[in-house]
All heavy atoms as atom14 arrays in JSON, in Angstrom:
{
  "sequence": "LAAGVEYVVQMDADLSHQPETIPELLGTALATDAG",
  "atom14_mask": [
    [1, 1, 1, 1, 1, 1, 1, 1, 0, 0, 0, 0, 0, 0],
    [1, 1, 1, 1, 1, 0, 0, 0, 0, 0, 0, 0, 0, 0],
    [1, 1, 1, 1, 1, 0, 0, 0, 0, 0, 0, 0, 0, 0],
    [1, 1, 1, 1, 0, 0, 0, 0, 0, 0, 0, 0, 0, 0],
    [1, 1, 1, 1, 1, 1, 1, 0, 0, 0, 0, 0, 0, 0],
    [1, 1, 1, 1, 1, 1, 1, 1, 1, 0, 0, 0, 0, 0],
    [1, 1, 1, 1, 1, 1, 1, 1, 1, 1, 1, 1, 0, 0],
    [1, 1, 1, 1, 1, 1, 1, 0, 0, 0, 0, 0, 0, 0],
    [1, 1, 1, 1, 1, 1, 1, 0, 0, 0, 0, 0, 0, 0],
    [1, 1, 1, 1, 1, 1, 1, 1, 1, 0, 0, 0, 0, 0],
    [1, 1, 1, 1, 1, 1, 1, 1, 0, 0, 0, 0, 0, 0],
    [1, 1, 1, 1, 1, 1, 1, 1, 0, 0, 0, 0, 0, 0],
    [1, 1, 1, 1, 1, 0, 0, 0, 0, 0, 0, 0, 0, 0],
    [1, 1, 1, 1, 1, 1, 1, 1, 0, 0, 0, 0, 0, 0],
    [1, 1, 1, 1, 1, 1, 1, 1, 0, 0, 0, 0, 0, 0],
    [1, 1, 1, 1, 1, 1, 0, 0, 0, 0, 0, 0, 0, 0],
    [1, 1, 1, 1, 1, 1, 1, 1, 1, 1, 0, 0, 0, 0],
    [1, 1, 1, 1, 1, 1, 1, 1, 1, 0, 0, 0, 0, 0],
    [1, 1, 1, 1, 1, 1, 1, 0, 0, 0, 0, 0, 0, 0],
    [1, 1, 1, 1, 1, 1, 1, 1, 1, 0, 0, 0, 0, 0],
    [1, 1, 1, 1, 1, 1, 1, 0, 0, 0, 0, 0, 0, 0],
    [1, 1, 1, 1, 1, 1, 1, 1, 0, 0, 0, 0, 0, 0],
    [1, 1, 1, 1, 1, 1, 1, 0, 0, 0, 0, 0, 0, 0],
    [1, 1, 1, 1, 1, 1, 1, 1, 1, 0, 0, 0, 0, 0],
    [1, 1, 1, 1, 1, 1, 1, 1, 0, 0, 0, 0, 0, 0],
    [1, 1, 1, 1, 1, 1, 1, 1, 0, 0, 0, 0, 0, 0],
    [1, 1, 1, 1, 0, 0, 0, 0, 0, 0, 0, 0, 0, 0],
    [1, 1, 1, 1, 1, 1, 1, 0, 0, 0, 0, 0, 0, 0],
    [1, 1, 1, 1, 1, 0, 0, 0, 0, 0, 0, 0, 0, 0],
    [1, 1, 1, 1, 1, 1, 1, 1, 0, 0, 0, 0, 0, 0],
    [1, 1, 1, 1, 1, 0, 0, 0, 0, 0, 0, 0, 0, 0],
    [1, 1, 1, 1, 1, 1, 1, 0, 0, 0, 0, 0, 0, 0],
    [1, 1, 1, 1, 1, 1, 1, 1, 0, 0, 0, 0, 0, 0],
    [1, 1, 1, 1, 1, 0, 0, 0, 0, 0, 0, 0, 0, 0],
    [1, 1, 1, 1, 0, 0, 0, 0, 0, 0, 0, 0, 0, 0]
  ],
  "atom14_positions": [
    [[-3.87, 1.33, -10.83], [-3.8, 0.04, -10.14], [-2.49, -0.67, -10.46], [-1.89, -1.31, -9.58], [-4.99, -0.83, -10.55], [-6.37, -0.35, -10.09], [-7.46, -1.25, -10.66], [-6.45, -0.33, -8.56], [0.0, 0.0, 0.0], [0.0, 0.0, 0.0], [0.0, 0.0, 0.0], [0.0, 0.0, 0.0], [0.0, 0.0, 0.0], [0.0, 0.0, 0.0]],
    [[-2.03, -0.55, -11.7], [-0.76, -1.18, -12.07], [0.41, -0.56, -11.3], [1.42, -1.23, -11.05], [-0.53, -1.03, -13.57], [0.0, 0.0, 0.0], [0.0, 0.0, 0.0], [0.0, 0.0, 0.0], [0.0, 0.0, 0.0], [0.0, 0.0, 0.0], [0.0, 0.0, 0.0], [0.0, 0.0, 0.0], [0.0, 0.0, 0.0], [0.0, 0.0, 0.0]],
    [[0.26, 0.71, -10.91], [1.31, 1.39, -10.15], [1.28, 1.01, -8.67], [2.19, 1.38, -7.92], [1.17, 2.9, -10.31], [0.0, 0.0, 0.0], [0.0, 0.0, 0.0], [0.0, 0.0, 0.0], [0.0, 0.0, 0.0], [0.0, 0.0, 0.0], [0.0, 0.0, 0.0], [0.0, 0.0, 0.0], [0.0, 0.0, 0.0], [0.0, 0.0, 0.0]],
    [[0.22, 0.32, -8.25], [0.15, -0.18, -6.88], [-0.27, 0.83, -5.83], [0.07, 0.67, -4.66], [0.0, 0.0, 0.0], [0.0, 0.0, 0.0], [0.0, 0.0, 0.0], [0.0, 0.0, 0.0], [0.0, 0.0, 0.0], [0.0, 0.0, 0.0], [0.0, 0.0, 0.0], [0.0, 0.0, 0.0], [0.0, 0.0, 0.0], [0.0, 0.0, 0.0]],
    [[-1.02, 1.87, -6.22], [-1.45, 2.87, -5.24], [-2.56, 2.31, -4.36], [-3.23, 1.34, -4.7], [-1.94, 4.16, -5.93], [-0.83, 4.78, -6.74], [-3.16, 3.9, -6.79], [0.0, 0.0, 0.0], [0.0, 0.0, 0.0], [0.0, 0.0, 0.0], [0.0, 0.0, 0.0], [0.0, 0.0, 0.0], [0.0, 0.0, 0.0], [0.0, 0.0, 0.0]],
    [[-2.75, 2.95, -3.2], [-3.79, 2.52, -2.27], [-5.16, 3.11, -2.6], [-6.18, 2.48, -2.36], [-3.4, 2.93, -0.84], [-2.1, 2.33, -0.34], [-1.68, 2.98, 0.97], [-2.14, 2.53, 2.04], [-0.89, 3.95, 0.92], [0.0, 0.0, 0.0], [0.0, 0.0, 0.0], [0.0, 0.0, 0.0], [0.0, 0.0, 0.0], [0.0, 0.0, 0.0]],
    [[-5.16, 4.35, -3.11], [-6.41, 5.04, -3.39], [-6.34, 5.71, -4.76], [-5.27, 6.16, -5.19], [-6.7, 6.12, -2.33], [-6.93, 5.54, -0.95], [-5.88, 5.41, -0.05], [-8.19, 5.12, -0.56], [-6.08, 4.86, 1.21], [-8.4, 4.57, 0.69], [-7.34, 4.44, 1.57], [-7.55, 3.9, 2.8], [0.0, 0.0, 0.0], [0.0, 0.0, 0.0]],
    [[-7.5, 5.76, -5.42], [-7.59, 6.4, -6.74], [-8.69, 7.45, -6.69], [-9.83, 7.16, -6.33], [-7.91, 5.36, -7.84], [-8.04, 6.07, -9.2], [-6.83, 4.29, -7.9], [0.0, 0.0, 0.0], [0.0, 0.0, 0.0], [0.0, 0.0, 0.0], [0.0, 0.0, 0.0], [0.0, 0.0, 0.0], [0.0, 0.0, 0.0], [0.0, 0.0, 0.0]],
    [[-8.32, 8.67, -7.05], [-9.28, 9.77, -7.14], [-9.62, 9.99, -8.6], [-8.74, 9.97, -9.46], [-8.71, 11.07, -6.53], [-9.66, 12.25, -6.79], [-8.46, 10.9, -5.05], [0.0, 0.0, 0.0], [0.0, 0.0, 0.0], [0.0, 0.0, 0.0], [0.0, 0.0, 0.0], [0.0, 0.0, 0.0], [0.0, 0.0, 0.0], [0.0, 0.0, 0.0]],
    [[-10.89, 10.21, -8.89], [-11.3, 10.6, -10.24], [-11.92, 11.98, -10.17], [-12.69, 12.29, -9.26], [-12.29, 9.6, -10.84], [-13.56, 9.39, -10.02], [-14.6, 8.57, -10.75], [-14.71, 7.37, -10.53], [-15.38, 9.24, -11.6], [0.0, 0.0, 0.0], [0.0, 0.0, 0.0], [0.0, 0.0, 0.0], [0.0, 0.0, 0.0], [0.0, 0.0, 0.0]],
    [[-11.54, 12.84, -11.11], [-12.07, 14.19, -11.12], [-12.01, 14.78, -12.52], [-11.25, 14.29, -13.38], [-11.31, 15.08, -10.13], [-9.87, 15.33, -10.49], [-8.98, 16.3, -9.21], [-9.95, 17.81, -9.18], [0.0, 0.0, 0.0], [0.0, 0.0, 0.0], [0.0, 0.0, 0.0], [0.0, 0.0, 0.0], [0.0, 0.0, 0.0], [0.0, 0.0, 0.0]],
    [[-12.81, 15.82, -12.75], [-12.83, 16.49, -14.04], [-11.62, 17.39, -14.2], [-11.04, 17.87, -13.22], [-14.11, 17.32, -14.2], [-15.37, 16.46, -14.26], [-15.23, 15.23, -14.48], [-16.47, 17.0, -14.08], [0.0, 0.0, 0.0], [0.0, 0.0, 0.0], [0.0, 0.0, 0.0], [0.0, 0.0, 0.0], [0.0, 0.0, 0.0], [0.0, 0.0, 0.0]],
    [[-11.28, 17.67, -15.45], [-10.13, 18.52, -15.75], [-10.49, 20.0, -15.79], [-9.6, 20.85, -15.88], [-9.53, 18.12, -17.1], [0.0, 0.0, 0.0], [0.0, 0.0, 0.0], [0.0, 0.0, 0.0], [0.0, 0.0, 0.0], [0.0, 0.0, 0.0], [0.0, 0.0, 0.0], [0.0, 0.0, 0.0], [0.0, 0.0, 0.0], [0.0, 0.0, 0.0]],
    [[-11.78, 20.33, -15.73], [-12.21, 21.71, -15.97], [-12.26, 22.57, -14.72], [-12.75, 23.7, -14.75], [-13.57, 21.72, -16.65], [-14.66, 21.04, -15.83], [-14.4, 20.7, -14.65], [-15.77, 20.83, -16.36], [0.0, 0.0, 0.0], [0.0, 0.0, 0.0], [0.0, 0.0, 0.0], [0.0, 0.0, 0.0], [0.0, 0.0, 0.0], [0.0, 0.0, 0.0]],
    [[-11.78, 22.04, -13.58], [-11.74, 22.75, -12.3], [-13.12, 23.0, -11.71], [-13.27, 23.85, -10.82], [-10.97, 24.08, -12.44], [-9.48, 23.92, -12.74], [-8.85, 25.25, -13.12], [-8.75, 23.32, -11.54], [0.0, 0.0, 0.0], [0.0, 0.0, 0.0], [0.0, 0.0, 0.0], [0.0, 0.0, 0.0], [0.0, 0.0, 0.0], [0.0, 0.0, 0.0]],
    [[-14.12, 22.26, -12.17], [-15.42, 22.3, -11.5], [-15.32, 21.59, -10.15], [-16.06, 21.91, -9.22], [-16.5, 21.66, -12.36], [-16.15, 20.34, -12.73], [0.0, 0.0, 0.0], [0.0, 0.0, 0.0], [0.0, 0.0, 0.0], [0.0, 0.0, 0.0], [0.0, 0.0, 0.0], [0.0, 0.0, 0.0], [0.0, 0.0, 0.0], [0.0, 0.0, 0.0]],
    [[-14.4, 20.65, -10.05], [-14.09, 19.99, -8.78], [-12.87, 20.66, -8.17], [-11.87, 20.87, -8.85], [-13.79, 18.5, -8.99], [-14.92, 17.74, -9.6], [-14.73, 16.76, -10.55], [-16.26, 17.82, -9.41], [-15.9, 16.26, -10.9], [-16.84, 16.9, -10.24], [0.0, 0.0, 0.0], [0.0, 0.0, 0.0], [0.0, 0.0, 0.0], [0.0, 0.0, 0.0]],
    [[-12.96, 21.01, -6.9], [-11.87, 21.73, -6.24], [-10.82, 20.75, -5.72], [-11.1, 19.93, -4.83], [-12.43, 22.55, -5.08], [-13.56, 23.5, -5.47], [-13.16, 24.47, -6.56], [-12.28, 25.29, -6.37], [-13.79, 24.38, -7.72], [0.0, 0.0, 0.0], [0.0, 0.0, 0.0], [0.0, 0.0, 0.0], [0.0, 0.0, 0.0], [0.0, 0.0, 0.0]],
    [[-9.59, 20.78, -6.25], [-8.55, 19.84, -5.81], [-8.29, 19.86, -4.31], [-7.9, 18.85, -3.73], [-7.32, 20.31, -6.6], [-7.86, 20.99, -7.8], [-9.11, 21.68, -7.33], [0.0, 0.0, 0.0], [0.0, 0.0, 0.0], [0.0, 0.0, 0.0], [0.0, 0.0, 0.0], [0.0, 0.0, 0.0], [0.0, 0.0, 0.0], [0.0, 0.0, 0.0]],
    [[-8.51, 21.01, -3.67], [-8.24, 21.13, -2.25], [-9.14, 20.25, -1.39], [-8.9, 20.08, -0.19], [-8.38, 22.6, -1.82], [-7.33, 23.52, -2.38], [-7.5, 23.83, -3.87], [-8.63, 23.67, -4.4], [-6.51, 24.24, -4.5], [0.0, 0.0, 0.0], [0.0, 0.0, 0.0], [0.0, 0.0, 0.0], [0.0, 0.0, 0.0], [0.0, 0.0, 0.0]],
    [[-10.18, 19.66, -2.0], [-11.07, 18.75, -1.28], [-10.5, 17.33, -1.23], [-10.97, 16.5, -0.45], [-12.46, 18.73, -1.94], [-12.94, 20.07, -2.05], [-13.47, 17.94, -1.12], [0.0, 0.0, 0.0], [0.0, 0.0, 0.0], [0.0, 0.0, 0.0], [0.0, 0.0, 0.0], [0.0, 0.0, 0.0], [0.0, 0.0, 0.0], [0.0, 0.0, 0.0]],
    [[-9.49, 17.03, -2.02], [-8.95, 15.67, -2.08], [-8.49, 15.17, -0.71], [-8.79, 14.02, -0.34], [-7.81, 15.58, -3.12], [-8.4, 15.72, -4.53], [-7.05, 14.26, -3.0], [-7.37, 15.78, -5.65], [0.0, 0.0, 0.0], [0.0, 0.0, 0.0], [0.0, 0.0, 0.0], [0.0, 0.0, 0.0], [0.0, 0.0, 0.0], [0.0, 0.0, 0.0]],
    [[-7.76, 15.97, 0.1], [-7.4, 15.46, 1.43], [-8.61, 15.1, 2.28], [-8.55, 14.16, 3.08], [-6.62, 16.64, 2.04], [-6.05, 17.36, 0.86], [-7.12, 17.27, -0.19], [0.0, 0.0, 0.0], [0.0, 0.0, 0.0], [0.0, 0.0, 0.0], [0.0, 0.0, 0.0], [0.0, 0.0, 0.0], [0.0, 0.0, 0.0], [0.0, 0.0, 0.0]],
    [[-9.72, 15.82, 2.11], [-10.92, 15.5, 2.88], [-11.53, 14.18, 2.41], [-12.02, 13.39, 3.22], [-11.94, 16.62, 2.78], [-13.11, 16.44, 3.73], [-13.95, 17.7, 3.88], [-13.59, 18.74, 3.31], [-14.96, 17.62, 4.6], [0.0, 0.0, 0.0], [0.0, 0.0, 0.0], [0.0, 0.0, 0.0], [0.0, 0.0, 0.0], [0.0, 0.0, 0.0]],
    [[-11.5, 13.94, 1.09], [-11.96, 12.64, 0.58], [-11.12, 11.51, 1.18], [-11.65, 10.5, 1.64], [-11.86, 12.61, -0.94], [-12.75, 13.55, -1.75], [-12.38, 13.49, -3.23], [-14.22, 13.21, -1.57], [0.0, 0.0, 0.0], [0.0, 0.0, 0.0], [0.0, 0.0, 0.0], [0.0, 0.0, 0.0], [0.0, 0.0, 0.0], [0.0, 0.0, 0.0]],
    [[-9.81, 11.7, 1.18], [-8.91, 10.67, 1.71], [-9.12, 10.48, 3.2], [-9.22, 9.34, 3.69], [-7.46, 11.07, 1.43], [-6.38, 10.17, 2.03], [-6.49, 8.75, 1.51], [-4.99, 10.74, 1.77], [0.0, 0.0, 0.0], [0.0, 0.0, 0.0], [0.0, 0.0, 0.0], [0.0, 0.0, 0.0], [0.0, 0.0, 0.0], [0.0, 0.0, 0.0]],
    [[-9.18, 11.57, 3.94], [-9.38, 11.47, 5.39], [-10.67, 10.78, 5.75], [-10.74, 10.0, 6.7], [0.0, 0.0, 0.0], [0.0, 0.0, 0.0], [0.0, 0.0, 0.0], [0.0, 0.0, 0.0], [0.0, 0.0, 0.0], [0.0, 0.0, 0.0], [0.0, 0.0, 0.0], [0.0, 0.0, 0.0], [0.0, 0.0, 0.0], [0.0, 0.0, 0.0]],
    [[-11.73, 11.06, 4.98], [-13.02, 10.41, 5.22], [-12.93, 8.91, 4.98], [-13.46, 8.11, 5.75], [-14.11, 11.03, 4.33], [-14.22, 12.42, 4.6], [-15.45, 10.36, 4.56], [0.0, 0.0, 0.0], [0.0, 0.0, 0.0], [0.0, 0.0, 0.0], [0.0, 0.0, 0.0], [0.0, 0.0, 0.0], [0.0, 0.0, 0.0], [0.0, 0.0, 0.0]],
    [[-12.24, 8.52, 3.91], [-12.07, 7.09, 3.62], [-11.33, 6.39, 4.75], [-11.7, 5.29, 5.19], [-11.33, 6.91, 2.3], [0.0, 0.0, 0.0], [0.0, 0.0, 0.0], [0.0, 0.0, 0.0], [0.0, 0.0, 0.0], [0.0, 0.0, 0.0], [0.0, 0.0, 0.0], [0.0, 0.0, 0.0], [0.0, 0.0, 0.0], [0.0, 0.0, 0.0]],
    [[-10.29, 7.01, 5.24], [-9.49, 6.41, 6.3], [-10.23, 6.37, 7.63], [-10.12, 5.42, 8.4], [-8.17, 7.17, 6.44], [-7.2, 7.0, 5.28], [-6.11, 8.06, 5.32], [-6.57, 5.62, 5.29], [0.0, 0.0, 0.0], [0.0, 0.0, 0.0], [0.0, 0.0, 0.0], [0.0, 0.0, 0.0], [0.0, 0.0, 0.0], [0.0, 0.0, 0.0]],
    [[-11.03, 7.42, 7.88], [-11.75, 7.5, 9.16], [-12.95, 6.56, 9.21], [-13.34, 6.11, 10.29], [-12.2, 8.93, 9.41], [0.0, 0.0, 0.0], [0.0, 0.0, 0.0], [0.0, 0.0, 0.0], [0.0, 0.0, 0.0], [0.0, 0.0, 0.0], [0.0, 0.0, 0.0], [0.0, 0.0, 0.0], [0.0, 0.0, 0.0], [0.0, 0.0, 0.0]],
    [[-13.54, 6.26, 8.07], [-14.77, 5.47, 8.04], [-14.59, 4.09, 7.43], [-15.54, 3.3, 7.42], [-15.85, 6.21, 7.23], [-15.42, 6.31, 5.85], [-16.12, 7.6, 7.77], [0.0, 0.0, 0.0], [0.0, 0.0, 0.0], [0.0, 0.0, 0.0], [0.0, 0.0, 0.0], [0.0, 0.0, 0.0], [0.0, 0.0, 0.0], [0.0, 0.0, 0.0]],
    [[-13.39, 3.8, 6.9], [-13.13, 2.55, 6.19], [-14.06, 2.4, 4.99], [-14.47, 1.29, 4.63], [-13.28, 1.34, 7.12], [-12.64, 0.09, 6.53], [-11.64, 0.22, 5.8], [-13.15, -1.02, 6.78], [0.0, 0.0, 0.0], [0.0, 0.0, 0.0], [0.0, 0.0, 0.0], [0.0, 0.0, 0.0], [0.0, 0.0, 0.0], [0.0, 0.0, 0.0]],
    [[-14.39, 3.52, 4.36], [-15.24, 3.49, 3.17], [-14.42, 3.05, 1.96], [-13.25, 3.42, 1.82], [-15.84, 4.87, 2.9], [0.0, 0.0, 0.0], [0.0, 0.0, 0.0], [0.0, 0.0, 0.0], [0.0, 0.0, 0.0], [0.0, 0.0, 0.0], [0.0, 0.0, 0.0], [0.0, 0.0, 0.0], [0.0, 0.0, 0.0], [0.0, 0.0, 0.0]],
    [[-15.04, 2.26, 1.1], [-14.39, 1.86, -0.14], [-14.59, 2.86, -1.24], [-13.86, 2.87, -2.23], [0.0, 0.0, 0.0], [0.0, 0.0, 0.0], [0.0, 0.0, 0.0], [0.0, 0.0, 0.0], [0.0, 0.0, 0.0], [0.0, 0.0, 0.0], [0.0, 0.0, 0.0], [0.0, 0.0, 0.0], [0.0, 0.0, 0.0], [0.0, 0.0, 0.0]]
  ]
}
């Protein structure tokens, strides 16, 4: 937030979450105006 970004993603470091899904998270937020 101090860096002034528009969106913040939180994820685990152990690769249980697939980084390639991040664009889909972002696109969904932009398409639906989800917070």
